[in-house]
PDB file of N, CA and C in Angstrom:
ATOM      1  N   MET A   1     114.910  77.917  86.552  1.00  0.00           N
ATOM      2  CA  MET A   1     113.464  77.813  86.618  1.00  0.00           C
ATOM      3  C   MET A   1     112.878  79.221  86.734  1.00  0.00           C
ATOM      4  N   ASP A   2     112.095  79.626  85.754  1.00  0.00           N
ATOM      5  CA  ASP A   2     111.495  80.952  85.758  1.00  0.00           C
ATOM      6  C   ASP A   2     110.190  80.932  86.537  1.00  0.00           C
ATOM      7  N   LYS A   3     110.094  81.885  87.432  1.00  0.00           N
ATOM      8  CA  LYS A   3     108.848  82.017  88.167  1.00  0.00           C
ATOM      9  C   LYS A   3     108.077  83.187  87.587  1.00  0.00           C
ATOM     10  N   LYS A   4     106.828  82.978  87.339  1.00  0.00           N
ATOM     11  CA  LYS A   4     105.988  84.014  86.781  1.00  0.00           C
ATOM     12  C   LYS A   4     105.665  85.024  87.878  1.00  0.00           C
ATOM     13  N   LYS A   5     105.902  86.303  87.575  1.00  0.00           N
ATOM     14  CA  LYS A   5     105.603  87.338  88.556  1.00  0.00           C
ATOM     15  C   LYS A   5     104.107  87.595  88.579  1.00  0.00           C
ATOM     16  N   THR A   6     103.539  87.524  89.761  1.00  0.00           N
ATOM     17  CA  THR A   6     102.122  87.794  89.916  1.00  0.00           C
ATOM     18  C   THR A   6     101.943  88.900  90.930  1.00  0.00           C
ATOM     19  N   LYS A   7     100.873  89.655  90.751  1.00  0.00           N
ATOM     20  CA  LYS A   7     100.574  90.725  91.698  1.00  0.00           C
ATOM     21  C   LYS A   7     100.012  90.117  92.970  1.00  0.00           C
ATOM     22  N   LYS A   8     100.377  90.713  94.099  1.00  0.00           N
ATOM     23  CA  LYS A   8      99.832  90.249  95.366  1.00  0.00           C
ATOM     24  C   LYS A   8      98.384  90.689  95.483  1.00  0.00           C
ATOM     25  N   ARG A   9      97.588  89.834  96.026  1.00  0.00           N
ATOM     26  CA  ARG A   9      96.180  90.132  96.241  1.00  0.00           C
ATOM     27  C   ARG A   9      95.977  90.575  97.683  1.00  0.00           C
ATOM     28  N   SER A  10      95.121  91.546  97.859  1.00  0.00           N
ATOM     29  CA  SER A  10      94.812  92.048  99.187  1.00  0.00           C
ATOM     30  C   SER A  10      93.856  91.098  99.892  1.00  0.00           C
ATOM     31  N   SER A  11      93.911  91.083 101.211  1.00  0.00           N
ATOM     32  CA  SER A  11      92.962  90.257 101.965  1.00  0.00           C
ATOM     33  C   SER A  11      91.667  91.029 102.215  1.00  0.00           C
ATOM     34  N   ASP A  12      91.690  92.344 101.975  1.00  0.00           N
ATOM     35  CA  ASP A  12      90.488  93.167 102.114  1.00  0.00           C
ATOM     36  C   ASP A  12      89.597  92.941 100.897  1.00  0.00           C
ATOM     37  N   ILE A  13      88.374  92.542 101.114  1.00  0.00           N
ATOM     38  CA  ILE A  13      87.479  92.177 100.008  1.00  0.00           C
ATOM     39  C   ILE A  13      87.190  93.357  99.092  1.00  0.00           C
ATOM     40  N   ASN A  14      87.109  94.564  99.639  1.00  0.00           N
ATOM     41  CA  ASN A  14      86.819  95.735  98.806  1.00  0.00           C
ATOM     42  C   ASN A  14      87.996  96.062  97.895  1.00  0.00           C
ATOM     43  N   ILE A  15      89.199  95.995  98.421  1.00  0.00           N
ATOM     44  CA  ILE A  15      90.388  96.263  97.614  1.00  0.00           C
ATOM     45  C   ILE A  15      90.552  95.160  96.570  1.00  0.00           C
ATOM     46  N   LEU A  16      90.304  93.932  96.975  1.00  0.00           N
ATOM     47  CA  LEU A  16      90.390  92.811  96.048  1.00  0.00           C
ATOM     48  C   LEU A  16      89.416  92.991  94.886  1.00  0.00           C
ATOM     49  N   ALA A  17      88.189  93.386  95.187  1.00  0.00           N
ATOM     50  CA  ALA A  17      87.186  93.615  94.145  1.00  0.00           C
ATOM     51  C   ALA A  17      87.643  94.725  93.203  1.00  0.00           C
ATOM     52  N   SER A  18      88.207  95.786  93.766  1.00  0.00           N
ATOM     53  CA  SER A  18      88.710  96.893  92.953  1.00  0.00           C
ATOM     54  C   SER A  18      89.836  96.429  92.034  1.00  0.00           C
ATOM     55  N   GLN A  19      90.731  95.595  92.547  1.00  0.00           N
ATOM     56  CA  GLN A  19      91.843  95.090  91.736  1.00  0.00           C
ATOM     57  C   GLN A  19      91.336  94.200  90.602  1.00  0.00           C
ATOM     58  N   ILE A  20      90.368  93.351  90.896  1.00  0.00           N
ATOM     59  CA  ILE A  20      89.835  92.450  89.875  1.00  0.00           C
ATOM     60  C   ILE A  20      89.156  93.245  88.762  1.00  0.00           C
ATOM     61  N   ILE A  21      88.367  94.253  89.145  1.00  0.00           N
ATOM     62  CA  ILE A  21      87.674  95.079  88.139  1.00  0.00           C
ATOM     63  C   ILE A  21      88.709  95.835  87.301  1.00  0.00           C
ATOM     64  N   ALA A  22      89.749  96.389  87.945  1.00  0.00           N
ATOM     65  CA  ALA A  22      90.774  97.139  87.213  1.00  0.00           C
ATOM     66  C   ALA A  22      91.482  96.229  86.209  1.00  0.00           C
ATOM     67  N   GLU A  23      91.759  94.992  86.601  1.00  0.00           N
ATOM     68  CA  GLU A  23      92.409  94.048  85.682  1.00  0.00           C
ATOM     69  C   GLU A  23      91.479  93.667  84.534  1.00  0.00           C
ATOM     70  N   ALA A  24      90.214  93.458  84.855  1.00  0.00           N
ATOM     71  CA  ALA A  24      89.264  93.035  83.830  1.00  0.00           C
ATOM     72  C   ALA A  24      89.006  94.142  82.811  1.00  0.00           C
ATOM     73  N   THR A  25      88.985  95.394  83.282  1.00  0.00           N
ATOM     74  CA  THR A  25      88.700  96.517  82.384  1.00  0.00           C
ATOM     75  C   THR A  25      89.965  97.213  81.904  1.00  0.00           C
ATOM     76  N   LYS A  26      91.121  96.745  82.365  1.00  0.00           N
ATOM     77  CA  LYS A  26      92.421  97.326  82.008  1.00  0.00           C
ATOM     78  C   LYS A  26      92.548  98.787  82.438  1.00  0.00           C
ATOM     79  N   GLU A  27      91.844  99.159  83.499  1.00  0.00           N
ATOM     80  CA  GLU A  27      91.953 100.512  84.040  1.00  0.00           C
ATOM     81  C   GLU A  27      93.023 100.516  85.116  1.00  0.00           C
ATOM     82  N   PRO A  28      93.758 101.621  85.231  1.00  0.00           N
ATOM     83  CA  PRO A  28      94.771 101.684  86.285  1.00  0.00           C
ATOM     84  C   PRO A  28      94.126 101.814  87.659  1.00  0.00           C
ATOM     85  N   THR A  29      94.785 101.231  88.656  1.00  0.00           N
ATOM     86  CA  THR A  29      94.298 101.347  90.030  1.00  0.00           C
ATOM     87  C   THR A  29      94.674 102.721  90.557  1.00  0.00           C
ATOM     88  N   PRO A  30      94.048 103.179  91.641  1.00  0.00           N
ATOM     89  CA  PRO A  30      94.376 104.498  92.183  1.00  0.00           C
ATOM     90  C   PRO A  30      95.868 104.658  92.502  1.00  0.00           C
ATOM     91  N   LYS A  31      96.535 103.591  92.958  1.00  0.00           N
ATOM     92  CA  LYS A  31      97.966 103.677  93.248  1.00  0.00           C
ATOM     93  C   LYS A  31      98.765 103.933  91.977  1.00  0.00           C
ATOM     94  N   GLU A  32      98.320 103.349  90.870  1.00  0.00           N
ATOM     95  CA  GLU A  32      99.036 103.522  89.612  1.00  0.00           C
ATOM     96  C   GLU A  32      98.831 104.922  89.044  1.00  0.00           C
ATOM     97  N   LEU A  33      97.743 105.592  89.428  1.00  0.00           N
ATOM     98  CA  LEU A  33      97.472 106.930  88.928  1.00  0.00           C
ATOM     99  C   LEU A  33      98.397 107.972  89.557  1.00  0.00           C
ATOM    100  N   ILE A  34      98.824 107.712  90.786  1.00  0.00           N
ATOM    101  CA  ILE A  34      99.712 108.645  91.480  1.00  0.00           C
ATOM    102  C   ILE A  34     101.135 108.376  91.014  1.00  0.00           C
ATOM    103  N   LYS A  35     101.690 109.316  90.289  1.00  0.00           N
ATOM    104  CA  LYS A  35     103.003 109.108  89.704  1.00  0.00           C
ATOM    105  C   LYS A  35     104.128 109.477  90.670  1.00  0.00           C
ATOM    106  N   GLU A  36     104.011 110.610  91.318  1.00  0.00           N
ATOM    107  CA  GLU A  36     105.050 111.000  92.274  1.00  0.00           C
ATOM    108  C   GLU A  36     104.438 111.863  93.359  1.00  0.00           C
ATOM    109  N   LYS A  37     105.123 111.924  94.478  1.00  0.00           N
ATOM    110  CA  LYS A  37     104.632 112.709  95.604  1.00  0.00           C
ATOM    111  C   LYS A  37     105.037 114.162  95.435  1.00  0.00           C
ATOM    112  N   ASN A  38     104.243 115.025  96.013  1.00  0.00           N
ATOM    113  CA  ASN A  38     104.537 116.447  96.003  1.00  0.00           C
ATOM    114  C   ASN A  38     105.656 116.709  97.021  1.00  0.00           C
ATOM    115  N   PRO A  39     106.835 117.171  96.580  1.00  0.00           N
ATOM    116  CA  PRO A  39     107.951 117.352  97.512  1.00  0.00           C
ATOM    117  C   PRO A  39     107.646 118.327  98.647  1.00  0.00           C
ATOM    118  N   ALA A  40     106.854 119.355  98.373  1.00  0.00           N
ATOM    119  CA  ALA A  40     106.514 120.320  99.421  1.00  0.00           C
ATOM    120  C   ALA A  40     105.663 119.662 100.501  1.00  0.00           C
ATOM    121  N   ALA A  41     104.720 118.831 100.087  1.00  0.00           N
ATOM    122  CA  ALA A  41     103.862 118.141 101.050  1.00  0.00           C
ATOM    123  C   ALA A  41     104.669 117.145 101.871  1.00  0.00           C
ATOM    124  N   VAL A  42     105.612 116.473 101.224  1.00  0.00           N
ATOM    125  CA  VAL A  42     106.467 115.512 101.931  1.00  0.00           C
ATOM    126  C   VAL A  42     107.280 116.233 102.999  1.00  0.00           C
ATOM    127  N   GLU A  43     107.835 117.376 102.641  1.00  0.00           N
ATOM    128  CA  GLU A  43     108.656 118.141 103.589  1.00  0.00           C
ATOM    129  C   GLU A  43     107.828 118.635 104.771  1.00  0.00           C
ATOM    130  N   LEU A  44     106.619 119.111 104.488  1.00  0.00           N
ATOM    131  CA  LEU A  44     105.743 119.574 105.576  1.00  0.00           C
ATOM    132  C   LEU A  44     105.379 118.423 106.512  1.00  0.00           C
ATOM    133  N   GLY A  45     105.091 117.268 105.947  1.00  0.00           N
ATOM    134  CA  GLY A  45     104.755 116.110 106.768  1.00  0.00           C
ATOM    135  C   GLY A  45     105.917 115.691 107.644  1.00  0.00           C
ATOM    136  N   ARG A  46     107.113 115.719 107.080  1.00  0.00           N
ATOM    137  CA  ARG A  46     108.308 115.370 107.844  1.00  0.00           C
ATOM    138  C   ARG A  46     108.541 116.371 108.967  1.00  0.00           C
ATOM    139  N   LEU A  47     108.386 117.635 108.651  1.00  0.00           N
ATOM    140  CA  LEU A  47     108.594 118.675 109.659  1.00  0.00           C
ATOM    141  C   LEU A  47     107.609 118.516 110.810  1.00  0.00           C
ATOM    142  N   GLY A  48     106.351 118.261 110.468  1.00  0.00           N
ATOM    143  CA  GLY A  48     105.339 118.064 111.508  1.00  0.00           C
ATOM    144  C   GLY A  48     105.656 116.854 112.374  1.00  0.00           C
ATOM    145  N   GLY A  49     106.150 115.791 111.756  1.00  0.00           N
ATOM    146  CA  GLY A  49     106.513 114.598 112.505  1.00  0.00           C
ATOM    147  C   GLY A  49     107.669 114.847 113.455  1.00  0.00           C
ATOM    148  N   LEU A  50     108.646 115.612 112.989  1.00  0.00           N
ATOM    149  CA  LEU A  50     109.794 115.915 113.843  1.00  0.00           C
ATOM    150  C   LEU A  50     109.379 116.764 115.044  1.00  0.00           C
ATOM    151  N   ILE A  51     108.541 117.753 114.795  1.00  0.00           N
ATOM    152  CA  ILE A  51     108.090 118.624 115.880  1.00  0.00           C
ATOM    153  C   ILE A  51     107.197 117.852 116.843  1.00  0.00           C
ATOM    154  N   GLY A  52     106.247 117.082 116.285  1.00  0.00           N
ATOM    155  CA  GLY A  52     105.306 116.345 117.118  1.00  0.00           C
ATOM    156  C   GLY A  52     105.977 115.288 117.970  1.00  0.00           C
ATOM    157  N   GLY A  53     106.980 114.615 117.410  1.00  0.00           N
ATOM    158  CA  GLY A  53     107.694 113.587 118.163  1.00  0.00           C
ATOM    159  C   GLY A  53     108.429 114.160 119.362  1.00  0.00           C
ATOM    160  N   ARG A  54     109.078 115.281 119.148  1.00  0.00           N
ATOM    161  CA  ARG A  54     109.812 115.922 120.238  1.00  0.00           C
ATOM    162  C   ARG A  54     108.842 116.411 121.314  1.00  0.00           C
ATOM    163  N   ALA A  55     107.726 117.012 120.893  1.00  0.00           N
ATOM    164  CA  ALA A  55     106.744 117.518 121.850  1.00  0.00           C
ATOM    165  C   ALA A  55     106.151 116.369 122.668  1.00  0.00           C
ATOM    166  N   ARG A  56     105.887 115.256 122.023  1.00  0.00           N
ATOM    167  CA  ARG A  56     105.332 114.094 122.734  1.00  0.00           C
ATOM    168  C   ARG A  56     106.334 113.569 123.748  1.00  0.00           C
ATOM    169  N   ALA A  57     107.590 113.483 123.342  1.00  0.00           N
ATOM    170  CA  ALA A  57     108.620 112.965 124.241  1.00  0.00           C
ATOM    171  C   ALA A  57     108.779 113.853 125.472  1.00  0.00           C
ATOM    172  N   GLU A  58     108.654 115.152 125.294  1.00  0.00           N
ATOM    173  CA  GLU A  58     108.796 116.073 126.441  1.00  0.00           C
ATOM    174  C   GLU A  58     107.640 115.921 127.422  1.00  0.00           C
ATOM    175  N   LYS A  59     106.466 115.559 126.917  1.00  0.00           N
ATOM    176  CA  LYS A  59     105.294 115.416 127.788  1.00  0.00           C
ATOM    177  C   LYS A  59     105.306 114.110 128.567  1.00  0.00           C
ATOM    178  N   LEU A  60     105.990 113.087 128.049  1.00  0.00           N
ATOM    179  CA  LEU A  60     105.994 111.786 128.702  1.00  0.00           C
ATOM    180  C   LEU A  60     106.873 111.786 129.942  1.00  0.00           C
ATOM    181  N   SER A  61     106.446 111.021 130.936  1.00  0.00           N
ATOM    182  CA  SER A  61     107.272 110.854 132.134  1.00  0.00           C
ATOM    183  C   SER A  61     108.404 109.880 131.821  1.00  0.00           C
ATOM    184  N   ALA A  62     109.423 109.893 132.648  1.00  0.00           N
ATOM    185  CA  ALA A  62     110.561 108.995 132.447  1.00  0.00           C
ATOM    186  C   ALA A  62     110.102 107.532 132.533  1.00  0.00           C
ATOM    187  N   LYS A  63     109.188 107.261 133.430  1.00  0.00           N
ATOM    188  CA  LYS A  63     108.682 105.893 133.591  1.00  0.00           C
ATOM    189  C   LYS A  63     107.965 105.431 132.314  1.00  0.00           C
ATOM    190  N   ARG A  64     107.137 106.295 131.755  1.00  0.00           N
ATOM    191  CA  ARG A  64     106.386 105.934 130.546  1.00  0.00           C
ATOM    192  C   ARG A  64     107.330 105.765 129.347  1.00  0.00           C
ATOM    193  N   ARG A  65     108.332 106.640 129.220  1.00  0.00           N
ATOM    194  CA  ARG A  65     109.312 106.510 128.138  1.00  0.00           C
ATOM    195  C   ARG A  65     110.034 105.171 128.232  1.00  0.00           C
ATOM    196  N   LYS A  66     110.351 104.761 129.463  1.00  0.00           N
ATOM    197  CA  LYS A  66     111.032 103.489 129.676  1.00  0.00           C
ATOM    198  C   LYS A  66     110.143 102.317 129.258  1.00  0.00           C
ATOM    199  N   GLU A  67     108.843 102.398 129.583  1.00  0.00           N
ATOM    200  CA  GLU A  67     107.905 101.344 129.189  1.00  0.00           C
ATOM    201  C   GLU A  67     107.825 101.230 127.664  1.00  0.00           C
ATOM    202  N   ILE A  68     107.760 102.374 126.986  1.00  0.00           N
ATOM    203  CA  ILE A  68     107.671 102.395 125.524  1.00  0.00           C
ATOM    204  C   ILE A  68     108.940 101.812 124.905  1.00  0.00           C
ATOM    205  N   ALA A  69     110.096 102.177 125.470  1.00  0.00           N
ATOM    206  CA  ALA A  69     111.370 101.673 124.956  1.00  0.00           C
ATOM    207  C   ALA A  69     111.476 100.161 125.140  1.00  0.00           C
ATOM    208  N   LYS A  70     111.030  99.654 126.292  1.00  0.00           N
ATOM    209  CA  LYS A  70     111.065  98.204 126.532  1.00  0.00           C
ATOM    210  C   LYS A  70     110.178  97.468 125.539  1.00  0.00           C
ATOM    211  N   LYS A  71     108.989  98.013 125.295  1.00  0.00           N
ATOM    212  CA  LYS A  71     108.058  97.389 124.363  1.00  0.00           C
ATOM    213  C   LYS A  71     108.641  97.373 122.948  1.00  0.00           C
ATOM    214  N   ALA A  72     109.284  98.456 122.551  1.00  0.00           N
ATOM    215  CA  ALA A  72     109.883  98.535 121.214  1.00  0.00           C
ATOM    216  C   ALA A  72     111.035  97.542 121.085  1.00  0.00           C
ATOM    217  N   ALA A  73     111.876  97.454 122.117  1.00  0.00           N
ATOM    218  CA  ALA A  73     113.000  96.523 122.087  1.00  0.00           C
ATOM    219  C   ALA A  73     112.504  95.077 122.023  1.00  0.00           C
ATOM    220  N   GLN A  74     111.462  94.791 122.761  1.00  0.00           N
ATOM    221  CA  GLN A  74     110.896  93.443 122.759  1.00  0.00           C
ATOM    222  C   GLN A  74     110.342  93.100 121.372  1.00  0.00           C
ATOM    223  N   ALA A  75     109.690  94.054 120.734  1.00  0.00           N
ATOM    224  CA  ALA A  75     109.139  93.826 119.390  1.00  0.00           C
ATOM    225  C   ALA A  75     110.268  93.576 118.389  1.00  0.00           C
ATOM    226  N   ARG A  76     111.372  94.310 118.528  1.00  0.00           N
ATOM    227  CA  ARG A  76     112.508  94.101 117.620  1.00  0.00           C
ATOM    228  C   ARG A  76     113.095  92.715 117.812  1.00  0.00           C
ATOM    229  N   TRP A  77     113.216  92.277 119.049  1.00  0.00           N
ATOM    230  CA  TRP A  77     113.797  90.954 119.309  1.00  0.00           C
ATOM    231  C   TRP A  77     112.873  89.840 118.844  1.00  0.00           C
ATOM    232  N   MET A  78     111.570  90.059 118.924  1.00  0.00           N
ATOM    233  CA  MET A  78     110.608  89.038 118.478  1.00  0.00           C
ATOM    234  C   MET A  78     110.709  88.828 116.965  1.00  0.00           C
ATOM    235  N   ARG A  79     111.033  89.874 116.215  1.00  0.00           N
ATOM    236  CA  ARG A  79     111.167  89.750 114.765  1.00  0.00           C
ATOM    237  C   ARG A  79     112.399  88.937 114.398  1.00  0.00           C
ATOM    238  N   LYS A  80     113.439  89.007 115.224  1.00  0.00           N
ATOM    239  CA  LYS A  80     114.699  88.305 114.924  1.00  0.00           C
ATOM    240  C   LYS A  80     114.604  86.821 115.218  1.00  0.00           C
ATOM    241  N   VAL A  81     113.665  86.425 116.044  1.00  0.00           N
ATOM    242  CA  VAL A  81     113.552  85.013 116.428  1.00  0.00           C
ATOM    243  C   VAL A  81     112.869  84.201 115.373  1.00  0.00           C
TER     244      VAL A  81
END
């Protein structure tokens, strides 16, 4: 049984309107216009994330880190249920 592939529709009315107009006029959507990411920008973003994450962790108290870890573990377990 072949299932016809359909594009997912956004629940945001503005994005939905943009998608409908793009389909009706056969114009590419903004996501389709972006072909590939700039590797230099990707690397800078990653570097900033690595530095920022470590700096944030150093500022947090042990109690707060424990609270964050418990919340993350609980969220992971909720997805498995």
